[in-house]
Protein backbone atom coordinates (compact mmCIF):
# COMPACT_ATOMS: atom_id res chain seq x y z
CA UNK A 1 -32.88 12.36 -15.38
CA UNK A 2 -30.44 11.59 -12.62
CA UNK A 3 -29.62 8.27 -10.97
CA UNK A 4 -29.38 8.06 -7.22
CA UNK A 5 -26.13 6.95 -5.65
CA UNK A 6 -27.16 4.07 -3.39
CA UNK A 7 -23.78 3.07 -1.95
CA UNK A 8 -20.10 3.55 -2.71
CA UNK A 9 -19.22 2.41 -6.23
CA UNK A 10 -22.85 1.98 -7.30
CA UNK A 11 -25.00 4.44 -9.20
CA UNK A 12 -28.58 3.43 -9.84
CA UNK A 13 -28.45 -0.27 -10.62
CA UNK A 14 -25.01 -0.31 -12.31
CA UNK A 15 -21.69 -0.82 -10.60
CA UNK A 16 -18.72 0.89 -12.19
CA UNK A 17 -15.49 -1.06 -11.81
CA UNK A 18 -13.06 1.51 -13.21
CA UNK A 19 -12.71 4.82 -14.97
CA UNK A 20 -13.50 8.36 -13.91
CA UNK A 21 -16.89 7.80 -12.27
CA UNK A 22 -17.14 10.95 -10.19
CA UNK A 23 -20.60 12.41 -10.70
CA UNK A 24 -21.55 10.11 -13.58
CA UNK A 25 -25.08 8.87 -14.10
CA UNK A 26 -24.76 5.15 -14.82
CA UNK A 27 -28.22 3.70 -14.48
CA UNK A 28 -28.42 1.94 -17.85
CA UNK A 29 -32.06 1.06 -17.23
CA UNK A 30 -33.17 4.68 -17.53
CA UNK A 31 -35.47 5.57 -20.38
CA UNK A 32 -33.71 7.36 -23.21
CA UNK A 33 -36.64 9.50 -24.17
CA UNK A 34 -34.87 12.80 -24.76
CA UNK A 35 -33.44 11.61 -28.10
CA UNK A 36 -29.82 12.03 -27.10
CA UNK A 37 -27.81 10.45 -29.87
CA UNK A 38 -24.53 12.32 -29.79
CA UNK A 39 -21.29 11.01 -28.32
CA UNK A 40 -20.64 11.70 -24.66
CA UNK A 41 -18.22 14.58 -24.17
CA UNK A 42 -16.77 13.55 -20.77
CA UNK A 43 -17.04 9.75 -20.40
CA UNK A 44 -15.99 7.67 -17.39
CA UNK A 45 -13.72 5.67 -19.74
CA UNK A 46 -11.58 7.94 -21.89
CA UNK A 47 -9.80 5.23 -23.89
CA UNK A 48 -10.75 2.26 -26.07
CA UNK A 49 -12.55 -0.52 -24.17
CA UNK A 50 -13.60 -4.16 -24.39
CA UNK A 51 -17.13 -4.94 -23.18
CA UNK A 52 -18.28 -8.33 -21.91
CA UNK A 53 -21.95 -8.98 -21.21
CA UNK A 54 -22.74 -11.94 -18.97
CA UNK A 55 -26.38 -13.00 -18.74
CA UNK A 56 -27.39 -15.07 -15.68
CA UNK A 57 -30.75 -16.71 -16.54
CA UNK A 58 -32.89 -19.66 -15.52
CA UNK A 59 -33.58 -20.35 -19.19
CA UNK A 60 -30.66 -19.85 -21.54
CA UNK A 61 -31.20 -18.15 -24.89
CA UNK A 62 -30.07 -19.35 -28.30
CA UNK A 63 -26.57 -18.13 -29.12
CA UNK A 64 -27.95 -15.73 -31.73
CA UNK A 65 -30.63 -14.47 -29.35
CA UNK A 66 -28.32 -12.46 -27.11
CA UNK A 67 -27.90 -8.77 -27.85
CA UNK A 68 -26.26 -6.06 -25.82
CA UNK A 69 -27.23 -3.21 -28.15
CA UNK A 70 -29.61 -1.54 -25.70
CA UNK A 71 -27.18 -1.93 -22.80
CA UNK A 72 -24.28 -0.51 -24.80
CA UNK A 73 -26.43 2.39 -26.02
CA UNK A 74 -27.29 2.95 -22.35
CA UNK A 75 -23.59 3.10 -21.47
CA UNK A 76 -23.14 5.86 -24.04
CA UNK A 77 -26.25 7.68 -22.85
CA UNK A 78 -25.12 7.46 -19.22
CA UNK A 79 -21.65 8.82 -20.00
CA UNK A 80 -19.77 5.64 -19.17
CA UNK A 81 -18.25 5.37 -22.66
CA UNK A 82 -17.88 8.15 -25.24
CA UNK A 83 -19.43 6.30 -28.18
CA UNK A 84 -20.08 2.73 -29.36
CA UNK A 85 -18.02 3.11 -32.53
CA UNK A 86 -15.00 0.85 -33.24
CA UNK A 87 -12.76 3.78 -32.28
CA UNK A 88 -14.08 3.57 -28.70
CA UNK A 89 -15.16 -0.11 -28.38
CA UNK A 90 -12.66 -2.69 -29.63
CA UNK A 91 -14.62 -5.84 -28.81
CA UNK A 92 -17.99 -6.91 -27.41
CA UNK A 93 -18.43 -10.47 -26.14
CA UNK A 94 -21.37 -12.34 -24.64
CA UNK A 95 -21.79 -15.32 -22.38
CA UNK A 96 -24.55 -16.99 -20.38
CA UNK A 97 -24.66 -18.67 -17.01
CA UNK A 98 -27.57 -20.87 -15.97
CA UNK A 99 -28.98 -20.11 -12.52
CA UNK A 100 -31.52 -22.08 -10.49
CA UNK A 101 -34.17 -19.46 -9.72
CA UNK A 102 -35.45 -16.06 -10.87
CA UNK A 103 -33.97 -14.30 -7.82
CA UNK A 104 -30.50 -15.06 -9.19
CA UNK A 105 -31.17 -13.61 -12.64
CA UNK A 106 -29.07 -10.60 -13.61
CA UNK A 107 -26.97 -9.15 -16.39
CA UNK A 108 -23.39 -8.16 -15.65
CA UNK A 109 -21.60 -5.71 -17.93
CA UNK A 110 -17.82 -5.75 -17.58
CA UNK A 111 -15.86 -2.90 -19.13
CA UNK A 112 -12.09 -3.05 -19.40
CA UNK A 113 -9.72 -0.48 -20.87
CA UNK A 114 -7.81 -2.02 -23.78
CA UNK A 115 -4.61 -0.67 -22.23
CA UNK A 116 -5.42 -2.68 -19.04
CA UNK A 117 -6.20 -5.93 -20.92
CA UNK A 118 -3.44 -8.49 -20.88
């Protein structure tokens, strides 16, 4: 499976804000039907990262009802991060923002190199 590059900086439905993105497939909504479960050998981010998932929804979820597991697994599958182990991902955080209508709903995944975090 291969995502289509729609416009500069975007691949499929994901926008990559940093890292080595040349030629990477980053559509985290793709089906992962081929059973790929090994670590990515040439990821866009080659150092430890922090991941923040921001959910924009008309109806907010309970605090324990938010999970980014599928999205993070998709980042590994797409070659954005090497693996989701503590060696590669230092911290994952979640937040929610209430929006007025369904057209504004989205999920934003922010990835920052630990070395860039201040």
